[in-house]
Amino acid sequence: MVESGAPFAREFAKDDPVLNKIDEKLLRRSDGRFTPGGWCVGNTVLGKDPCVAYGSPNAVKPTVSSKRLEKLILALLDSENFRSKQCK
């Protein structure tokens, strides 16, 4: 999905194994835990949840994935391409 450059994926059925793969590989979210972010200040020693200890919710830091999404959105909204690729 990531390499396709498509902005959105298809609809997934409830409990589709692909959703677990997205959680694990793209969001780095373990089963039953929050998606880690800049606010998670704990550590993962011995499998601990880094989000048990948290700092400021405003501590959002861009990641490689967010930069990739930004680049995709900017390309989709580029003034030279936007009008020609709109739904008709």
Protein backbone atom coordinates (compact mmCIF):
# COMPACT_ATOMS: atom_id res chain seq x y z
CA MET A 1 0.00 0.00 0.00
CA VAL A 2 2.73 2.43 0.93
CA GLU A 3 4.73 1.85 -2.23
CA SER A 4 1.68 2.24 -4.47
CA GLY A 5 1.49 5.97 -3.78
CA ALA A 6 -2.30 5.72 -3.43
CA PRO A 7 -3.68 8.11 -0.82
CA PHE A 8 -6.30 5.68 0.50
CA ALA A 9 -6.75 1.95 0.80
CA ARG A 10 -9.83 -0.11 0.13
CA GLU A 11 -12.46 -0.87 2.75
CA PHE A 12 -11.48 -3.71 5.08
CA ALA A 13 -13.78 -6.25 6.69
CA LYS A 14 -13.96 -6.37 10.47
CA ASP A 15 -11.03 -8.37 11.89
CA ASP A 16 -9.27 -8.47 8.49
CA PRO A 17 -5.67 -9.60 9.13
CA VAL A 18 -4.46 -6.71 6.95
CA LEU A 19 -5.55 -4.31 9.71
CA ASN A 20 -3.20 -6.06 12.15
CA LYS A 21 -0.40 -5.75 9.59
CA ILE A 22 -1.11 -2.00 9.22
CA ASP A 23 -1.04 -1.60 13.01
CA GLU A 24 2.22 -3.51 13.30
CA LYS A 25 4.20 -2.31 10.27
CA LEU A 26 2.92 1.21 9.56
CA LEU A 27 1.63 2.47 12.89
CA ARG A 28 4.02 0.46 15.08
CA ARG A 29 1.08 -0.26 17.40
CA SER A 30 1.15 -3.38 19.54
CA ASP A 31 -2.03 -5.32 20.26
CA GLY A 32 -4.20 -3.47 22.78
CA ARG A 33 -1.93 -0.43 22.94
CA PHE A 34 -2.08 3.12 21.63
CA THR A 35 -0.16 4.12 18.53
CA PRO A 36 3.11 5.51 19.87
CA GLY A 37 3.82 9.18 19.31
CA GLY A 38 5.98 12.03 20.54
CA TRP A 39 3.97 12.15 23.77
CA CYS A 40 5.08 8.62 24.78
CA VAL A 41 8.10 9.13 27.00
CA GLY A 42 8.35 5.66 28.51
CA ASN A 43 10.62 2.93 27.21
CA THR A 44 10.09 -0.49 25.69
CA VAL A 45 12.51 -2.38 27.94
CA LEU A 46 11.14 -5.86 28.63
CA GLY A 47 8.22 -5.19 26.28
CA LYS A 48 6.81 -2.31 28.33
CA ASP A 49 4.31 0.04 26.72
CA PRO A 50 6.13 3.35 26.04
CA CYS A 51 2.83 5.23 26.28
CA VAL A 52 2.20 4.30 29.92
CA ALA A 53 4.38 7.28 30.77
CA TYR A 54 3.48 10.31 28.73
CA GLY A 55 4.52 13.89 28.35
CA SER A 56 2.86 16.77 26.57
CA PRO A 57 0.22 15.80 23.98
CA ASN A 58 1.52 18.77 21.99
CA ALA A 59 4.89 17.05 21.48
CA VAL A 60 4.09 15.86 17.98
CA LYS A 61 7.17 15.21 15.88
CA PRO A 62 7.07 14.45 12.15
CA THR A 63 8.10 10.95 11.17
CA VAL A 64 9.22 9.48 7.87
CA SER A 65 5.64 8.29 7.32
CA SER A 66 4.14 11.72 7.97
CA LYS A 67 6.65 13.31 5.59
CA ARG A 68 5.69 10.73 2.94
CA LEU A 69 1.99 11.59 3.45
CA GLU A 70 2.76 15.31 3.21
CA LYS A 71 4.61 14.77 -0.07
CA LEU A 72 1.72 12.71 -1.47
CA ILE A 73 -0.91 15.33 -0.51
CA LEU A 74 1.17 18.15 -1.96
CA ALA A 75 1.53 16.25 -5.23
CA LEU A 76 -2.21 15.50 -5.36
CA LEU A 77 -3.09 19.14 -4.75
CA ASP A 78 -0.50 20.58 -7.12
CA SER A 79 -2.23 23.30 -9.14
CA GLU A 80 -1.00 21.86 -12.46
CA ASN A 81 -2.45 18.40 -11.80
CA PHE A 82 -5.41 18.99 -9.49
CA ARG A 83 -8.03 20.14 -11.99
CA SER A 84 -7.16 17.56 -14.63
CA LYS A 85 -7.47 14.66 -12.15
CA GLN A 86 -10.70 15.71 -10.43
CA CYS A 87 -13.73 13.44 -10.64
CA LYS A 88 -16.13 14.52 -13.35
